[in-house]
Protein backbone atom coordinates (compact mmCIF):
# COMPACT_ATOMS: atom_id res chain seq x y z
CA UNK A 1 0.00 0.00 0.00
CA UNK A 2 1.09 3.62 -0.57
CA UNK A 3 0.78 4.34 3.16
CA UNK A 4 3.25 1.56 4.06
CA UNK A 5 6.30 3.10 5.70
CA UNK A 6 9.83 1.81 6.23
CA UNK A 7 8.97 1.38 9.89
CA UNK A 8 6.05 -0.90 8.97
CA UNK A 9 8.34 -3.04 6.79
CA UNK A 10 10.98 -3.31 9.52
CA UNK A 11 8.32 -4.47 11.96
CA UNK A 12 7.60 -7.43 9.69
CA UNK A 13 10.99 -8.83 10.63
CA UNK A 14 11.93 -9.52 7.02
CA UNK A 15 15.61 -9.30 7.93
CA UNK A 16 15.25 -12.80 9.36
CA UNK A 17 14.46 -14.07 5.85
CA UNK A 18 17.07 -12.09 3.94
CA UNK A 19 18.97 -15.22 2.93
CA UNK A 20 15.82 -16.89 1.61
CA UNK A 21 14.69 -13.71 -0.13
CA UNK A 22 18.12 -13.30 -1.69
CA UNK A 23 18.01 -16.90 -2.96
CA UNK A 24 14.52 -16.42 -4.42
CA UNK A 25 15.58 -13.16 -6.06
CA UNK A 26 18.67 -14.78 -7.56
CA UNK A 27 16.66 -17.72 -8.90
CA UNK A 28 14.03 -15.43 -10.41
CA UNK A 29 16.76 -13.35 -12.04
CA UNK A 30 18.39 -16.43 -13.62
CA UNK A 31 15.05 -17.77 -14.81
CA UNK A 32 14.31 -14.40 -16.41
CA UNK A 33 17.73 -14.43 -18.12
CA UNK A 34 16.96 -17.86 -19.61
CA UNK A 35 13.50 -16.74 -20.70
CA UNK A 36 15.00 -13.70 -22.45
CA UNK A 37 17.64 -15.85 -24.16
CA UNK A 38 14.98 -18.23 -25.49
CA UNK A 39 12.86 -15.31 -26.68
CA UNK A 40 15.86 -13.75 -28.46
CA UNK A 41 16.68 -16.98 -30.29
CA UNK A 42 13.10 -17.22 -31.56
CA UNK A 43 13.22 -13.59 -32.69
CA UNK A 44 16.55 -14.14 -34.46
CA UNK A 45 14.84 -16.66 -36.77
CA UNK A 46 11.85 -14.49 -37.65
CA UNK A 47 13.68 -12.74 -40.50
CA UNK A 48 15.88 -15.64 -41.61
CA UNK A 49 15.06 -16.70 -45.17
CA UNK A 50 16.57 -19.36 -47.40
CA UNK A 51 18.17 -17.97 -50.54
CA UNK A 52 17.81 -19.57 -53.96
CA UNK A 53 19.41 -19.30 -57.38
CA UNK A 54 18.29 -20.49 -60.81
CA UNK A 55 19.73 -23.76 -62.02
CA UNK A 56 21.63 -23.07 -65.25
CA UNK A 57 19.32 -21.35 -67.74
CA UNK A 58 16.14 -22.92 -66.39
CA UNK A 59 13.31 -21.66 -64.22
CA UNK A 60 14.19 -24.30 -61.60
CA UNK A 61 15.48 -22.91 -58.30
CA UNK A 62 18.09 -24.54 -56.09
CA UNK A 63 19.42 -23.68 -52.66
CA UNK A 64 22.22 -21.13 -52.65
CA UNK A 65 25.00 -21.22 -50.04
CA UNK A 66 23.48 -21.29 -46.57
CA UNK A 67 26.61 -20.57 -44.51
CA UNK A 68 25.02 -17.84 -42.37
CA UNK A 69 22.06 -20.05 -41.53
CA UNK A 70 24.30 -22.98 -40.63
CA UNK A 71 26.45 -20.80 -38.34
CA UNK A 72 23.35 -19.41 -36.59
CA UNK A 73 21.86 -22.89 -36.31
CA UNK A 74 24.96 -24.47 -34.75
CA UNK A 75 25.26 -21.55 -32.32
CA UNK A 76 21.63 -21.89 -31.21
CA UNK A 77 21.87 -25.66 -30.83
CA UNK A 78 24.84 -25.21 -28.47
CA UNK A 79 23.04 -22.45 -26.52
CA UNK A 80 19.86 -24.50 -26.23
CA UNK A 81 21.72 -27.58 -25.03
CA UNK A 82 23.49 -25.47 -22.40
CA UNK A 83 20.22 -23.90 -21.30
CA UNK A 84 18.56 -27.31 -20.96
CA UNK A 85 21.26 -28.29 -18.49
CA UNK A 86 20.57 -25.30 -16.25
CA UNK A 87 18.84 -25.97 -12.92
CA UNK A 88 16.78 -22.81 -13.52
CA UNK A 89 15.13 -23.96 -16.76
CA UNK A 90 12.33 -25.92 -15.06
CA UNK A 91 9.57 -23.30 -15.62
CA UNK A 92 10.38 -23.37 -19.37
CA UNK A 93 11.25 -27.06 -19.69
CA UNK A 94 8.54 -27.80 -22.27
CA UNK A 95 9.28 -24.66 -24.27
CA UNK A 96 13.02 -25.29 -24.45
CA UNK A 97 12.44 -28.94 -25.42
CA UNK A 98 10.08 -27.89 -28.23
CA UNK A 99 12.59 -25.29 -29.40
CA UNK A 100 15.42 -27.84 -29.37
CA UNK A 101 13.29 -30.21 -31.47
CA UNK A 102 12.67 -27.43 -33.99
CA UNK A 103 16.38 -26.62 -34.25
CA UNK A 104 17.25 -30.27 -34.84
CA UNK A 105 14.50 -30.50 -37.43
CA UNK A 106 16.14 -27.54 -39.18
CA UNK A 107 19.56 -29.19 -38.89
CA UNK A 108 18.42 -32.56 -40.23
CA UNK A 109 16.28 -31.04 -42.98
CA UNK A 110 19.03 -28.75 -44.24
CA UNK A 111 21.60 -31.55 -44.11
CA UNK A 112 19.35 -33.93 -46.08
CA UNK A 113 18.27 -31.16 -48.46
CA UNK A 114 21.86 -30.35 -49.45
CA UNK A 115 22.65 -34.04 -49.98
CA UNK A 116 19.60 -34.50 -52.20
CA UNK A 117 20.46 -31.33 -54.11
CA UNK A 118 24.01 -32.55 -54.71
CA UNK A 119 22.69 -35.88 -56.01
CA UNK A 120 20.05 -34.24 -58.17
CA UNK A 121 22.57 -31.81 -59.70
CA UNK A 122 24.87 -34.70 -60.58
CA UNK A 123 22.21 -36.99 -62.01
CA UNK A 124 19.93 -34.51 -63.80
CA UNK A 125 22.24 -34.03 -66.83
CA UNK A 126 22.79 -37.80 -67.04
CA UNK A 127 19.09 -38.67 -67.07
CA UNK A 128 18.39 -35.89 -69.53
CA UNK A 129 20.07 -38.20 -72.04
CA UNK A 130 17.44 -40.42 -73.63
CA UNK A 131 20.01 -43.07 -74.60
CA UNK A 132 21.09 -43.61 -70.98
CA UNK A 133 17.47 -43.66 -69.76
CA UNK A 134 16.67 -46.41 -72.28
CA UNK A 135 19.57 -48.53 -71.04
CA UNK A 136 18.77 -48.19 -67.32
CA UNK A 137 14.98 -47.64 -67.31
CA UNK A 138 14.50 -48.69 -63.67
CA UNK A 139 16.91 -46.01 -62.46
CA UNK A 140 15.32 -43.57 -64.90
CA UNK A 141 11.91 -44.15 -63.34
CA UNK A 142 13.35 -43.70 -59.84
CA UNK A 143 15.00 -40.46 -60.90
CA UNK A 144 11.66 -39.21 -62.27
CA UNK A 145 10.15 -39.74 -58.83
CA UNK A 146 13.01 -37.90 -57.13
CA UNK A 147 12.80 -35.13 -59.74
CA UNK A 148 9.06 -34.62 -59.22
CA UNK A 149 9.32 -34.49 -55.41
CA UNK A 150 12.41 -32.29 -55.58
CA UNK A 151 10.71 -29.71 -57.78
CA UNK A 152 7.61 -29.69 -55.55
CA UNK A 153 9.75 -29.11 -52.46
CA UNK A 154 11.69 -26.34 -54.18
CA UNK A 155 8.54 -24.64 -55.48
CA UNK A 156 6.94 -24.56 -52.02
CA UNK A 157 10.16 -23.41 -50.39
CA UNK A 158 10.75 -20.56 -52.82
CA UNK A 159 7.17 -19.34 -52.30
CA UNK A 160 7.58 -19.39 -48.51
CA UNK A 161 11.32 -18.65 -48.13
CA UNK A 162 11.22 -18.12 -44.33
CA UNK A 163 13.48 -20.83 -42.95
CA UNK A 164 11.39 -21.90 -39.97
CA UNK A 165 8.18 -22.00 -41.99
CA UNK A 166 9.84 -23.89 -44.84
CA UNK A 167 10.93 -26.74 -42.56
CA UNK A 168 7.40 -26.85 -41.16
CA UNK A 169 6.01 -27.95 -44.54
CA UNK A 170 4.19 -31.28 -44.11
CA UNK A 171 6.60 -34.25 -44.19
CA UNK A 172 9.42 -32.31 -45.86
CA UNK A 173 12.12 -34.23 -43.98
CA UNK A 174 10.47 -37.59 -44.73
CA UNK A 175 10.29 -36.71 -48.44
CA UNK A 176 13.94 -35.68 -48.50
CA UNK A 177 15.01 -38.86 -46.71
CA UNK A 178 13.05 -40.92 -49.23
CA UNK A 179 14.78 -39.02 -52.05
CA UNK A 180 18.17 -39.72 -50.46
CA UNK A 181 17.43 -43.44 -50.40
CA UNK A 182 16.30 -43.42 -54.03
CA UNK A 183 19.37 -41.46 -55.09
CA UNK A 184 21.61 -44.05 -53.42
CA UNK A 185 19.86 -46.83 -55.37
CA UNK A 186 20.09 -44.83 -58.60
CA UNK A 187 23.80 -44.22 -58.06
CA UNK A 188 24.44 -47.94 -57.47
CA UNK A 189 22.57 -48.83 -60.67
CA UNK A 190 24.47 -46.17 -62.60
CA UNK A 191 27.80 -47.47 -61.29
CA UNK A 192 26.91 -51.00 -62.40
CA UNK A 193 25.97 -49.67 -65.83
CA UNK A 194 29.32 -47.86 -66.11
CA UNK A 195 31.22 -50.99 -65.02
CA UNK A 196 29.58 -52.98 -67.82
CA UNK A 197 30.45 -50.24 -70.28
CA UNK A 198 34.09 -50.38 -69.18
CA UNK A 199 34.24 -54.10 -69.90
CA UNK A 200 33.31 -53.41 -73.52
CA UNK A 201 35.17 -50.12 -73.82
CA UNK A 202 38.49 -50.32 -71.87
CA UNK A 203 39.14 -46.59 -72.35
CA UNK A 204 36.28 -45.98 -69.86
CA UNK A 205 38.61 -47.17 -67.09
CA UNK A 206 40.33 -43.81 -67.31
CA UNK A 207 37.05 -42.07 -66.46
CA UNK A 208 35.74 -41.70 -62.93
CA UNK A 209 32.11 -42.28 -62.07
């Protein structure tokens, strides 16, 4: 109350509880620091967008270098892990766990995405050749599936751009993982095809896969 005087407070005998009050104040301060750190990390991602470039002279977009995003991501994963280990995180335990899951989803999605992109960039010119497609039709059909899913993912990502919203697209990680598996099978089939070619054309041994 406004009429409460210093004398009234002293009469409460609060000095007997100074140690407890100091402990409570310190704990509250540390909890607030953690809450602010979590809030700042979320805010940092609000304006983070993926960047894209056109593939060759086509209208197809691919991921550009994402170095800044990867640096920010690794930094936030370390911070979040450290925060989870704090004894003062209890009031925000569920929030920090959800945030950690989102960061790892970003990490795993970006990692898989770049692997799929690398595979697609390598195989796309190969399977643009009708002669090769006719000789390994099974791998050609698998590449068509990868190609279709890849272009759908890229189209949706370019339209959205915001990194956190992009990785929240339904089943994006599952689709990328499926593409990775298919690309591995395609690569194995292609390697076998090249090995057979080398048996008939020894000069192919001087060429890498």
